[in-house]
Amino acid sequence: MRRPLATVLLLALSAPVFADTAPADTPSEAAQQVSVSGTRDPDWKPYRKMLAGMDAFERYHSLAPRAELKFILRPQQANLTVAGLKLRIVGDNVGIDIPIAADYTFSLPRDESAANDDADVQLSSKKGLFRWRPDIHTPGLPTGTRRLGDLRLECEVRWAVDKFDSSFLQLAYLMPLGGACHTSRSRIFYSTTAPIARATLVSDSRRESLPSERLSSKDRTRYAPPLHDTSWPDDTLVEFEFALPSDGTADATVSK
């Protein structure tokens, strides 16, 4: 019974592209959609839930002590831009405009009146065109790398927000394991903007390539670092080698 329960929950946490199922076969994007009661877009949360993610950032900030918490809009179709988009915290008595930067990132303020008003975070786009993700980056890292502590902290923020939408059985399975970010029974997938030829964990003189089952077989733009494995310290880097596109140039951009 363990694997099916993990599968159901991790579909509900579908990942930056964030979390995928434990089995090696990655489900389709459509299968990862979350159904939530009411008319809200399931990937846009009540402000109180986003506050829970902000609280998790403060609680686990030691994972990435020099990083700030931002969020990022992730387009779900080609050629989408943030031009003209409006992001707001909206309640019966509250309306707060949230600026969206040119790099698609935004920050949420702490506002007690918005929490008391049971406000929502709303984006002026059609349902499903954008997703939010935590965007946590320690400054000064080499190009084409991600820091493991940053990825762990992103996971904690997502888990803090998305666990509210999980069923009792789902929570009963993962909570004793420390949540989705602390168990080998879940694979938390992150994405890049180019197909990955190889991803390597590097900590001082220790180097290990991510095994093939931790690279998405669908398009090779997803990877699942061992967040749960404490033998890899938070300062471990994930180094990427990218496949060459048809024009022979390499795109070494790592997704936010």
Protein backbone atom coordinates (compact mmCIF):
# COMPACT_ATOMS: atom_id res chain seq x y z
CA MET A 1 0.00 0.00 0.00
CA ARG A 2 2.90 2.42 0.56
CA ARG A 3 3.73 3.15 -3.06
CA PRO A 4 0.13 3.97 -4.13
CA LEU A 5 -0.35 6.34 -1.20
CA ALA A 6 2.93 8.10 -1.96
CA THR A 7 1.94 8.34 -5.60
CA VAL A 8 -1.39 10.00 -4.81
CA LEU A 9 0.16 12.58 -2.51
CA LEU A 10 3.06 13.44 -4.74
CA LEU A 11 0.67 13.98 -7.61
CA ALA A 12 -1.04 16.50 -5.38
CA LEU A 13 2.31 18.15 -4.77
CA SER A 14 3.19 18.09 -8.45
CA ALA A 15 6.40 19.71 -8.80
CA PRO A 16 8.47 22.70 -9.60
CA VAL A 17 7.73 21.21 -11.81
CA PHE A 18 8.35 20.25 -8.26
CA ALA A 19 7.35 16.82 -7.10
CA ASP A 20 6.69 13.70 -9.07
CA THR A 21 5.76 10.19 -8.12
CA ALA A 22 8.16 7.68 -6.65
CA PRO A 23 7.94 5.22 -9.60
CA ALA A 24 10.51 5.68 -12.35
CA ASP A 25 7.89 6.44 -15.03
CA THR A 26 6.98 10.10 -14.85
CA PRO A 27 3.22 10.74 -15.24
CA SER A 28 1.94 13.11 -17.87
CA GLU A 29 1.50 16.78 -17.05
CA ALA A 30 -2.26 16.38 -17.31
CA ALA A 31 -2.23 13.58 -14.76
CA GLN A 32 -0.47 15.86 -12.29
CA GLN A 33 -3.26 18.43 -12.11
CA VAL A 34 -4.81 18.86 -8.68
CA SER A 35 -8.56 19.03 -8.25
CA VAL A 36 -9.67 21.36 -5.47
CA SER A 37 -13.26 22.06 -4.49
CA GLY A 38 -14.68 25.40 -5.52
CA THR A 39 -13.78 27.60 -8.47
CA ARG A 40 -10.26 28.61 -7.46
CA ASP A 41 -7.39 27.73 -9.73
CA PRO A 42 -5.83 24.84 -7.76
CA ASP A 43 -2.33 26.22 -8.20
CA TRP A 44 -3.21 29.63 -6.73
CA LYS A 45 -3.65 29.54 -2.99
CA PRO A 46 -5.40 31.46 -0.28
CA TYR A 47 -3.06 34.03 1.23
CA ARG A 48 -3.03 32.19 4.56
CA LYS A 49 -1.57 29.12 2.88
CA MET A 50 1.12 31.20 1.23
CA LEU A 51 1.91 32.62 4.65
CA ALA A 52 2.52 29.07 5.83
CA GLY A 53 5.16 28.77 3.12
CA MET A 54 6.72 32.04 4.24
CA ASP A 55 6.78 30.75 7.81
CA ALA A 56 8.52 27.58 6.60
CA PHE A 57 11.15 29.71 4.88
CA GLU A 58 11.92 31.43 8.17
CA ARG A 59 11.91 28.13 10.07
CA TYR A 60 14.33 26.42 7.68
CA HIS A 61 16.31 29.48 6.58
CA SER A 62 19.52 27.88 7.87
CA LEU A 63 19.39 25.62 4.79
CA ALA A 64 20.23 28.70 2.69
CA PRO A 65 21.11 31.50 5.11
CA ARG A 66 22.21 34.00 2.44
CA ALA A 67 19.17 33.51 0.22
CA GLU A 68 15.97 35.54 0.09
CA LEU A 69 12.49 34.17 -0.50
CA LYS A 70 10.98 35.01 -3.83
CA PHE A 71 8.37 33.27 -5.91
CA ILE A 72 8.35 32.84 -9.66
CA LEU A 73 5.65 32.50 -12.30
CA ARG A 74 6.19 29.45 -14.48
CA PRO A 75 4.46 29.65 -17.92
CA GLN A 76 2.72 26.42 -18.90
CA GLN A 77 2.58 27.22 -22.62
CA ALA A 78 5.13 28.51 -25.09
CA ASN A 79 5.34 32.25 -25.82
CA LEU A 80 3.60 33.35 -22.62
CA THR A 81 4.95 36.52 -20.99
CA VAL A 82 4.16 38.47 -17.86
CA ALA A 83 3.48 41.63 -19.88
CA GLY A 84 0.20 43.10 -18.69
CA LEU A 85 -0.30 40.53 -15.92
CA LYS A 86 -1.62 41.75 -12.59
CA LEU A 87 -0.98 39.90 -9.33
CA ARG A 88 -3.00 40.88 -6.28
CA ILE A 89 -3.90 39.82 -2.77
CA VAL A 90 -7.69 40.20 -2.78
CA GLY A 91 -10.25 39.94 0.01
CA ASP A 92 -13.59 41.49 0.86
CA ASN A 93 -11.83 44.43 2.52
CA VAL A 94 -8.27 44.15 1.22
CA GLY A 95 -6.62 44.73 -2.15
CA ILE A 96 -2.83 44.68 -2.42
CA ASP A 97 -0.99 44.92 -5.73
CA ILE A 98 2.07 42.65 -6.03
CA PRO A 99 4.71 43.80 -8.55
CA ILE A 100 5.99 41.18 -11.00
CA ALA A 101 9.62 41.63 -12.02
CA ALA A 102 10.90 41.23 -15.57
CA ASP A 103 12.41 37.86 -14.60
CA TYR A 104 8.91 36.62 -13.60
CA THR A 105 9.66 36.77 -9.86
CA PHE A 106 7.63 38.38 -7.11
CA SER A 107 7.65 38.71 -3.33
CA LEU A 108 4.68 38.52 -0.99
CA PRO A 109 4.34 40.88 1.98
CA ARG A 110 3.17 39.86 5.40
CA ASP A 111 -0.17 41.56 6.02
CA GLU A 112 -2.30 40.69 9.05
CA SER A 113 -5.39 42.35 7.62
CA ALA A 114 -5.19 40.17 4.47
CA ALA A 115 -4.87 37.04 6.60
CA ASN A 116 -7.83 38.04 8.76
CA ASP A 117 -9.83 38.83 5.62
CA ASP A 118 -9.24 35.31 4.28
CA ALA A 119 -7.81 36.89 1.13
CA ASP A 120 -6.66 35.04 -1.99
CA VAL A 121 -3.62 35.49 -4.18
CA GLN A 122 -5.05 36.14 -7.66
CA LEU A 123 -3.40 36.41 -11.08
CA SER A 124 -5.11 38.12 -14.03
CA SER A 125 -4.71 35.24 -16.48
CA LYS A 126 -6.76 32.30 -17.62
CA LYS A 127 -6.72 29.29 -15.35
CA GLY A 128 -3.73 27.00 -15.75
CA LEU A 129 -1.50 29.30 -17.83
CA PHE A 130 0.94 30.03 -15.00
CA ARG A 131 2.07 28.27 -11.87
CA TRP A 132 3.83 29.75 -8.88
CA ARG A 133 7.00 28.22 -7.48
CA PRO A 134 9.40 29.17 -4.67
CA ASP A 135 12.52 30.81 -6.10
CA ILE A 136 15.42 30.52 -3.67
CA HIS A 137 19.00 31.12 -4.81
CA THR A 138 22.14 31.65 -2.78
CA PRO A 139 24.00 34.49 -4.52
CA GLY A 140 27.35 33.96 -6.21
CA LEU A 141 27.00 30.35 -7.33
CA PRO A 142 28.77 29.17 -10.51
CA THR A 143 26.73 29.24 -13.71
CA GLY A 144 24.98 25.97 -14.47
CA THR A 145 24.67 24.84 -10.85
CA ARG A 146 22.09 24.63 -8.09
CA ARG A 147 22.90 24.44 -4.39
CA LEU A 148 21.33 21.50 -2.54
CA GLY A 149 20.35 23.58 0.51
CA ASP A 150 18.48 26.01 -1.76
CA LEU A 151 16.56 23.11 -3.29
CA ARG A 152 15.78 21.70 0.15
CA LEU A 153 14.44 25.05 1.29
CA GLU A 154 12.27 25.38 -1.85
CA CYS A 155 10.84 21.97 -1.03
CA GLU A 156 10.01 23.00 2.54
CA VAL A 157 8.14 26.06 1.28
CA ARG A 158 6.12 24.04 -1.25
CA TRP A 159 5.34 21.31 1.27
CA ALA A 160 4.16 23.85 3.86
CA VAL A 161 1.70 25.32 1.35
CA ASP A 162 0.53 22.21 -0.49
CA LYS A 163 0.05 19.87 2.46
CA PHE A 164 -3.17 21.73 3.24
CA ASP A 165 -4.70 20.17 0.13
CA SER A 166 -3.70 16.62 1.10
CA SER A 167 -6.10 14.05 2.49
CA PHE A 168 -5.84 12.52 5.93
CA LEU A 169 -4.48 9.27 4.46
CA GLN A 170 -1.90 11.12 2.43
CA LEU A 171 -0.71 13.07 5.45
CA ALA A 172 -0.76 9.94 7.61
CA TYR A 173 1.65 8.32 5.19
CA LEU A 174 4.19 11.12 4.79
CA MET A 175 4.08 12.99 8.08
CA PRO A 176 5.73 10.17 10.10
CA LEU A 177 8.48 10.19 7.46
CA GLY A 178 9.10 13.88 8.03
CA GLY A 179 7.11 15.10 5.05
CA ALA A 180 7.77 14.93 1.32
CA CYS A 181 11.17 16.60 1.64
CA HIS A 182 12.72 14.14 4.09
CA THR A 183 12.12 10.65 2.76
CA SER A 184 13.64 8.50 0.05
CA ARG A 185 10.12 7.29 -0.78
CA SER A 186 9.46 10.53 -2.65
CA ARG A 187 11.35 12.01 -5.57
CA ILE A 188 11.13 15.77 -5.76
CA PHE A 189 11.77 16.88 -9.32
CA TYR A 190 13.14 20.26 -10.34
CA SER A 191 13.51 21.59 -13.87
CA THR A 192 16.00 23.20 -16.22
CA THR A 193 15.41 25.08 -19.46
CA ALA A 194 17.53 22.69 -21.55
CA PRO A 195 17.82 18.89 -21.73
CA ILE A 196 20.30 17.50 -19.21
CA ALA A 197 23.11 15.30 -20.46
CA ARG A 198 24.46 14.73 -16.95
CA ALA A 199 23.89 16.03 -13.43
CA THR A 200 26.63 15.58 -10.84
CA LEU A 201 26.58 16.10 -7.08
CA VAL A 202 29.78 17.81 -5.91
CA SER A 203 30.89 18.27 -2.30
CA ASP A 204 34.60 18.99 -1.84
CA SER A 205 36.37 15.99 -3.42
CA ARG A 206 33.25 13.81 -3.52
CA ARG A 207 31.55 13.60 -6.91
CA GLU A 208 28.64 11.38 -7.89
CA SER A 209 26.45 11.48 -10.98
CA LEU A 210 22.71 11.38 -10.45
CA PRO A 211 21.47 7.93 -11.52
CA SER A 212 19.29 7.74 -14.60
CA GLU A 213 16.12 7.11 -12.56
CA ARG A 214 16.58 10.57 -11.05
CA LEU A 215 16.50 12.20 -14.49
CA SER A 216 13.14 12.44 -16.21
CA SER A 217 12.92 10.13 -19.18
CA LYS A 218 10.25 12.34 -20.78
CA ASP A 219 12.30 15.33 -21.92
CA ARG A 220 15.44 15.22 -19.74
CA THR A 221 14.72 18.65 -18.28
CA ARG A 222 13.82 17.34 -14.82
CA TYR A 223 16.08 16.02 -12.11
CA ALA A 224 15.47 14.72 -8.59
CA PRO A 225 18.34 15.45 -6.18
CA PRO A 226 18.59 13.37 -2.99
CA LEU A 227 17.08 15.95 -0.65
CA HIS A 228 16.69 13.37 2.11
CA ASP A 229 20.32 12.19 2.07
CA THR A 230 22.10 14.05 4.87
CA SER A 231 25.47 12.66 3.80
CA TRP A 232 25.30 15.42 1.17
CA PRO A 233 25.63 18.76 3.04
CA ASP A 234 23.59 21.82 2.15
CA ASP A 235 26.55 23.41 0.33
CA THR A 236 26.62 20.52 -2.15
CA LEU A 237 26.33 21.73 -5.73
CA VAL A 238 24.41 20.03 -8.49
CA GLU A 239 26.50 20.62 -11.63
CA PHE A 240 24.79 20.30 -15.01
CA GLU A 241 26.07 19.32 -18.40
CA PHE A 242 23.50 20.12 -21.04
CA ALA A 243 22.78 18.33 -24.29
CA LEU A 244 23.64 20.29 -27.42
CA PRO A 245 20.63 21.58 -29.39
CA SER A 246 20.39 21.09 -33.14
CA ASP A 247 22.37 24.29 -33.85
CA GLY A 248 25.33 22.89 -31.92
CA THR A 249 25.28 25.51 -29.16
CA ALA A 250 24.95 24.66 -25.50
CA ASP A 251 22.31 26.28 -23.31
CA ALA A 252 23.59 26.17 -19.74
CA THR A 253 20.67 28.00 -18.17
CA VAL A 254 19.33 26.40 -15.00
CA SER A 255 15.67 27.04 -14.38
CA LYS A 256 14.67 29.17 -11.44
